[in-house]
Structure formats: structure tokens, C-alpha cells
Amino acid sequence: MSWWSVLALCACAYALKYAGVVLAERTSPDGAARGSLELIVVPVIAALVVVQTLDGGDGEIVLSPRLPALIVAAVLIWRKAPIIVIVLAAGGTAAGWPHVT
């Protein structure tokens, strides 16, 4: 892959983000649609996190260091820890987990 293609992909990504911001300002969903969107966002993001954590790439479930890191992060979020503590603890767990097992 050449640098020109990387730069073109970056430009496309930023253009799509900018288009999203501009179009979001022009339209405003009504109350019922806004409530539905707010209910759908959290489960979709949670499902993406689970898939990215447990997916081995060939449709198999893999228990990688990401799973204990996710558990540590979830517990710290539940305990309302500062974000820097959550990030450092989860990163440290993921980095140290292969040395423990």
C-alpha cells in the first residue's frame, strides 16, 4: 500500500466525519426517534466490544488478554474510578496477562 492511498483513505474518513457533523446539524429527530436511538446505541456498542474481545478471526471464540482487561475496566467503571485509572489498569492487565498465564 502506498502513502498516497493511505492519505486518500484518511481524507475520505475525515470527509465522512465532517459530513456527519454537518448533516446532524440540519436534521433533528423527533422525540420518539431520539428515544429509540438512545436505547439502541448502548447495546450496539456493547455488542461490538464483546465481538472485538472474543473474536479469534476465524469464527472461533478466543480468550485473549483483552477479556480480563475488559473485566477490570468494567469493575472500575462500576466503582466510578477516574478515566486515567481505568485506562492504566486495563492496559496493565492486558499487558501483564500473558506473563501470568
N, C-alpha and C. Protein backbone atom coordinates (compact mmCIF):
# COMPACT_ATOMS: atom_id res chain seq x y z
N MET A 1 0.85 -1.17 0.00
CA MET A 1 0.00 0.00 0.00
C MET A 1 0.89 1.23 0.00
N SER A 2 0.59 2.15 -0.85
CA SER A 2 1.41 3.36 -0.96
C SER A 2 0.92 4.44 0.00
N TRP A 3 1.77 5.43 0.21
CA TRP A 3 1.41 6.53 1.09
C TRP A 3 0.27 7.34 0.51
N TRP A 4 0.18 7.41 -0.82
CA TRP A 4 -0.92 8.17 -1.44
C TRP A 4 -2.26 7.54 -1.12
N SER A 5 -2.31 6.21 -1.11
CA SER A 5 -3.58 5.55 -0.79
C SER A 5 -3.93 5.73 0.68
N VAL A 6 -2.93 5.72 1.56
CA VAL A 6 -3.17 5.96 2.98
C VAL A 6 -3.71 7.37 3.19
N LEU A 7 -3.08 8.34 2.54
CA LEU A 7 -3.55 9.73 2.66
C LEU A 7 -4.95 9.91 2.08
N ALA A 8 -5.24 9.21 0.99
CA ALA A 8 -6.58 9.29 0.39
C ALA A 8 -7.62 8.69 1.34
N LEU A 9 -7.29 7.58 1.97
CA LEU A 9 -8.22 6.97 2.93
C LEU A 9 -8.44 7.87 4.14
N CYS A 10 -7.38 8.53 4.61
CA CYS A 10 -7.52 9.47 5.73
C CYS A 10 -8.42 10.64 5.34
N ALA A 11 -8.22 11.16 4.13
CA ALA A 11 -9.06 12.28 3.66
C ALA A 11 -10.52 11.85 3.57
N CYS A 12 -10.76 10.64 3.07
CA CYS A 12 -12.14 10.15 2.98
C CYS A 12 -12.76 9.98 4.37
N ALA A 13 -11.99 9.47 5.31
CA ALA A 13 -12.51 9.29 6.67
C ALA A 13 -12.89 10.62 7.29
N TYR A 14 -12.02 11.63 7.16
CA TYR A 14 -12.34 12.94 7.72
C TYR A 14 -13.51 13.60 6.98
N ALA A 15 -13.61 13.38 5.68
CA ALA A 15 -14.74 13.94 4.93
C ALA A 15 -16.05 13.33 5.40
N LEU A 16 -16.06 12.02 5.65
CA LEU A 16 -17.28 11.37 6.15
C LEU A 16 -17.64 11.88 7.55
N LYS A 17 -16.64 12.07 8.41
CA LYS A 17 -16.92 12.60 9.74
C LYS A 17 -17.48 14.02 9.65
N TYR A 18 -16.90 14.82 8.79
CA TYR A 18 -17.38 16.20 8.62
C TYR A 18 -18.80 16.21 8.07
N ALA A 19 -19.07 15.33 7.12
CA ALA A 19 -20.42 15.24 6.55
C ALA A 19 -21.43 14.83 7.62
N GLY A 20 -21.02 13.95 8.51
CA GLY A 20 -21.91 13.54 9.60
C GLY A 20 -22.25 14.68 10.53
N VAL A 21 -21.26 15.50 10.84
CA VAL A 21 -21.50 16.65 11.72
C VAL A 21 -22.41 17.66 11.04
N VAL A 22 -22.14 17.95 9.77
CA VAL A 22 -22.94 18.94 9.04
C VAL A 22 -24.38 18.46 8.88
N LEU A 23 -24.55 17.20 8.51
CA LEU A 23 -25.90 16.67 8.31
C LEU A 23 -26.66 16.53 9.62
N ALA A 24 -25.96 16.24 10.70
CA ALA A 24 -26.62 16.12 12.01
C ALA A 24 -27.16 17.46 12.47
N GLU A 25 -26.50 18.53 12.11
CA GLU A 25 -26.99 19.86 12.49
C GLU A 25 -28.23 20.25 11.70
N ARG A 26 -28.37 19.74 10.50
CA ARG A 26 -29.52 20.11 9.65
C ARG A 26 -30.79 19.37 10.03
N THR A 27 -30.65 18.15 10.53
CA THR A 27 -31.82 17.36 10.87
C THR A 27 -31.87 17.16 12.38
N SER A 28 -33.05 17.10 12.89
CA SER A 28 -33.26 16.86 14.31
C SER A 28 -34.39 15.84 14.46
N PRO A 29 -34.07 14.63 14.93
CA PRO A 29 -35.12 13.63 15.07
C PRO A 29 -36.14 14.04 16.13
N ASP A 30 -37.38 13.60 15.93
CA ASP A 30 -38.42 13.93 16.90
C ASP A 30 -38.19 13.14 18.18
N GLY A 31 -39.02 13.36 19.17
CA GLY A 31 -38.84 12.76 20.49
C GLY A 31 -38.83 11.25 20.48
N ALA A 32 -39.74 10.62 19.74
CA ALA A 32 -39.81 9.17 19.72
C ALA A 32 -38.58 8.56 19.04
N ALA A 33 -38.16 9.15 17.93
CA ALA A 33 -36.98 8.63 17.22
C ALA A 33 -35.72 8.85 18.05
N ARG A 34 -35.63 9.96 18.72
CA ARG A 34 -34.45 10.24 19.56
C ARG A 34 -34.38 9.24 20.71
N GLY A 35 -35.51 8.94 21.32
CA GLY A 35 -35.54 7.96 22.41
C GLY A 35 -35.14 6.57 21.93
N SER A 36 -35.61 6.20 20.74
CA SER A 36 -35.24 4.90 20.18
C SER A 36 -33.75 4.83 19.88
N LEU A 37 -33.21 5.90 19.32
CA LEU A 37 -31.78 5.93 19.03
C LEU A 37 -30.94 5.82 20.30
N GLU A 38 -31.36 6.50 21.35
CA GLU A 38 -30.62 6.44 22.60
C GLU A 38 -30.68 5.04 23.22
N LEU A 39 -31.79 4.32 23.01
CA LEU A 39 -31.89 2.97 23.54
C LEU A 39 -31.06 1.97 22.73
N ILE A 40 -30.86 2.23 21.46
CA ILE A 40 -30.15 1.29 20.60
C ILE A 40 -28.63 1.45 20.70
N VAL A 41 -28.15 2.64 20.97
CA VAL A 41 -26.72 2.91 20.92
C VAL A 41 -25.94 2.05 21.91
N VAL A 42 -26.36 1.99 23.15
CA VAL A 42 -25.60 1.27 24.17
C VAL A 42 -25.49 -0.23 23.87
N PRO A 43 -26.57 -0.93 23.54
CA PRO A 43 -26.41 -2.36 23.22
C PRO A 43 -25.55 -2.61 21.98
N VAL A 44 -25.62 -1.74 21.01
CA VAL A 44 -24.81 -1.94 19.80
C VAL A 44 -23.33 -1.79 20.14
N ILE A 45 -22.98 -0.78 20.91
CA ILE A 45 -21.58 -0.59 21.30
C ILE A 45 -21.13 -1.74 22.19
N ALA A 46 -21.97 -2.19 23.10
CA ALA A 46 -21.62 -3.33 23.96
C ALA A 46 -21.39 -4.59 23.13
N ALA A 47 -22.22 -4.81 22.13
CA ALA A 47 -22.04 -5.98 21.26
C ALA A 47 -20.73 -5.88 20.48
N LEU A 48 -20.40 -4.69 19.99
CA LEU A 48 -19.13 -4.51 19.29
C LEU A 48 -17.94 -4.79 20.19
N VAL A 49 -18.01 -4.35 21.44
CA VAL A 49 -16.92 -4.60 22.39
C VAL A 49 -16.77 -6.10 22.63
N VAL A 50 -17.88 -6.80 22.82
CA VAL A 50 -17.82 -8.24 23.06
C VAL A 50 -17.26 -8.98 21.85
N VAL A 51 -17.71 -8.61 20.66
CA VAL A 51 -17.21 -9.28 19.44
C VAL A 51 -15.72 -9.03 19.27
N GLN A 52 -15.28 -7.80 19.46
CA GLN A 52 -13.86 -7.49 19.31
C GLN A 52 -13.01 -8.16 20.40
N THR A 53 -13.58 -8.40 21.56
CA THR A 53 -12.84 -9.01 22.66
C THR A 53 -12.70 -10.52 22.48
N LEU A 54 -13.75 -11.18 22.02
CA LEU A 54 -13.76 -12.64 21.98
C LEU A 54 -13.54 -13.25 20.60
N ASP A 55 -13.50 -12.45 19.55
CA ASP A 55 -13.39 -12.99 18.20
C ASP A 55 -11.94 -13.34 17.88
N GLY A 56 -11.74 -14.58 17.41
CA GLY A 56 -10.41 -15.03 17.04
C GLY A 56 -10.09 -14.81 15.58
N GLY A 57 -11.03 -14.39 14.78
CA GLY A 57 -10.78 -14.11 13.39
C GLY A 57 -11.35 -15.15 12.44
N ASP A 58 -11.44 -16.39 12.86
CA ASP A 58 -11.98 -17.45 12.02
C ASP A 58 -13.32 -17.96 12.55
N GLY A 59 -14.05 -17.10 13.24
CA GLY A 59 -15.34 -17.50 13.79
C GLY A 59 -15.22 -18.29 15.08
N GLU A 60 -14.05 -18.33 15.67
CA GLU A 60 -13.85 -19.05 16.91
C GLU A 60 -13.75 -18.08 18.08
N ILE A 61 -14.09 -18.55 19.24
CA ILE A 61 -14.01 -17.73 20.45
C ILE A 61 -12.62 -17.92 21.05
N VAL A 62 -11.94 -16.80 21.29
CA VAL A 62 -10.58 -16.83 21.83
C VAL A 62 -10.56 -16.04 23.13
N LEU A 63 -9.98 -16.63 24.15
CA LEU A 63 -9.83 -15.93 25.42
C LEU A 63 -8.46 -15.26 25.44
N SER A 64 -8.41 -14.05 24.95
CA SER A 64 -7.17 -13.30 24.88
C SER A 64 -7.03 -12.40 26.10
N PRO A 65 -5.92 -11.71 26.25
CA PRO A 65 -5.75 -10.79 27.38
C PRO A 65 -6.74 -9.63 27.38
N ARG A 66 -7.46 -9.45 26.29
CA ARG A 66 -8.45 -8.37 26.26
C ARG A 66 -9.62 -8.63 27.20
N LEU A 67 -9.97 -9.91 27.41
CA LEU A 67 -11.11 -10.23 28.27
C LEU A 67 -10.87 -9.83 29.73
N PRO A 68 -9.74 -10.23 30.36
CA PRO A 68 -9.53 -9.75 31.73
C PRO A 68 -9.39 -8.23 31.81
N ALA A 69 -8.81 -7.61 30.79
CA ALA A 69 -8.71 -6.15 30.78
C ALA A 69 -10.09 -5.52 30.73
N LEU A 70 -10.99 -6.10 29.94
CA LEU A 70 -12.35 -5.59 29.86
C LEU A 70 -13.07 -5.75 31.20
N ILE A 71 -12.84 -6.86 31.87
CA ILE A 71 -13.47 -7.08 33.19
C ILE A 71 -12.95 -6.07 34.20
N VAL A 72 -11.63 -5.85 34.20
CA VAL A 72 -11.05 -4.85 35.11
C VAL A 72 -11.64 -3.47 34.82
N ALA A 73 -11.72 -3.10 33.55
CA ALA A 73 -12.27 -1.80 33.19
C ALA A 73 -13.74 -1.68 33.61
N ALA A 74 -14.51 -2.75 33.42
CA ALA A 74 -15.93 -2.72 33.79
C ALA A 74 -16.11 -2.54 35.30
N VAL A 75 -15.29 -3.23 36.08
CA VAL A 75 -15.38 -3.09 37.53
C VAL A 75 -15.00 -1.67 37.96
N LEU A 76 -13.95 -1.14 37.37
CA LEU A 76 -13.53 0.22 37.74
C LEU A 76 -14.55 1.26 37.30
N ILE A 77 -15.18 1.06 36.15
CA ILE A 77 -16.25 1.97 35.73
C ILE A 77 -17.42 1.89 36.70
N TRP A 78 -17.76 0.68 37.11
CA TRP A 78 -18.85 0.48 38.07
C TRP A 78 -18.54 1.17 39.39
N ARG A 79 -17.25 1.17 39.79
CA ARG A 79 -16.84 1.81 41.03
C ARG A 79 -16.59 3.30 40.86
N LYS A 80 -16.83 3.82 39.63
CA LYS A 80 -16.70 5.24 39.31
C LYS A 80 -15.28 5.77 39.53
N ALA A 81 -14.31 5.00 39.05
CA ALA A 81 -12.90 5.41 39.12
C ALA A 81 -12.63 6.46 38.04
N PRO A 82 -11.60 7.28 38.23
CA PRO A 82 -11.23 8.25 37.19
C PRO A 82 -10.79 7.53 35.91
N ILE A 83 -11.00 8.16 34.77
CA ILE A 83 -10.74 7.53 33.48
C ILE A 83 -9.28 7.14 33.33
N ILE A 84 -8.36 7.93 33.85
CA ILE A 84 -6.94 7.59 33.72
C ILE A 84 -6.62 6.32 34.49
N VAL A 85 -7.25 6.12 35.62
CA VAL A 85 -7.06 4.90 36.40
C VAL A 85 -7.61 3.70 35.64
N ILE A 86 -8.76 3.87 35.01
CA ILE A 86 -9.37 2.80 34.24
C ILE A 86 -8.48 2.40 33.07
N VAL A 87 -8.00 3.39 32.34
CA VAL A 87 -7.16 3.10 31.17
C VAL A 87 -5.86 2.43 31.58
N LEU A 88 -5.20 2.95 32.61
CA LEU A 88 -3.93 2.36 33.04
C LEU A 88 -4.11 0.96 33.60
N ALA A 89 -5.16 0.75 34.38
CA ALA A 89 -5.38 -0.58 34.96
C ALA A 89 -5.73 -1.61 33.88
N ALA A 90 -6.59 -1.23 32.94
CA ALA A 90 -6.95 -2.16 31.87
C ALA A 90 -5.76 -2.44 30.96
N GLY A 91 -4.99 -1.40 30.63
CA GLY A 91 -3.79 -1.60 29.82
C GLY A 91 -2.76 -2.46 30.52
N GLY A 92 -2.57 -2.22 31.80
CA GLY A 92 -1.63 -3.04 32.58
C GLY A 92 -2.08 -4.48 32.68
N THR A 93 -3.38 -4.69 32.82
CA THR A 93 -3.91 -6.05 32.86
C THR A 93 -3.68 -6.76 31.54
N ALA A 94 -3.98 -6.09 30.45
CA ALA A 94 -3.79 -6.72 29.13
C ALA A 94 -2.31 -7.00 28.86
N ALA A 95 -1.43 -6.09 29.30
CA ALA A 95 0.00 -6.29 29.06
C ALA A 95 0.57 -7.37 29.97
N GLY A 96 0.09 -7.44 31.19
CA GLY A 96 0.64 -8.41 32.12
C GLY A 96 0.03 -9.78 32.09
N TRP A 97 -1.14 -9.90 31.47
CA TRP A 97 -1.86 -11.18 31.49
C TRP A 97 -1.06 -12.34 30.85
N PRO A 98 -0.38 -12.16 29.74
CA PRO A 98 0.39 -13.30 29.18
C PRO A 98 1.50 -13.78 30.11
N HIS A 99 1.99 -12.91 30.99
CA HIS A 99 3.05 -13.31 31.91
C HIS A 99 2.50 -14.08 33.10
N VAL A 100 1.21 -13.91 33.38
CA VAL A 100 0.57 -14.61 34.49
C VAL A 100 0.15 -16.02 34.10
N THR A 101 -0.34 -16.16 32.88
CA THR A 101 -0.84 -17.48 32.45
C THR A 101 0.25 -18.32 31.85
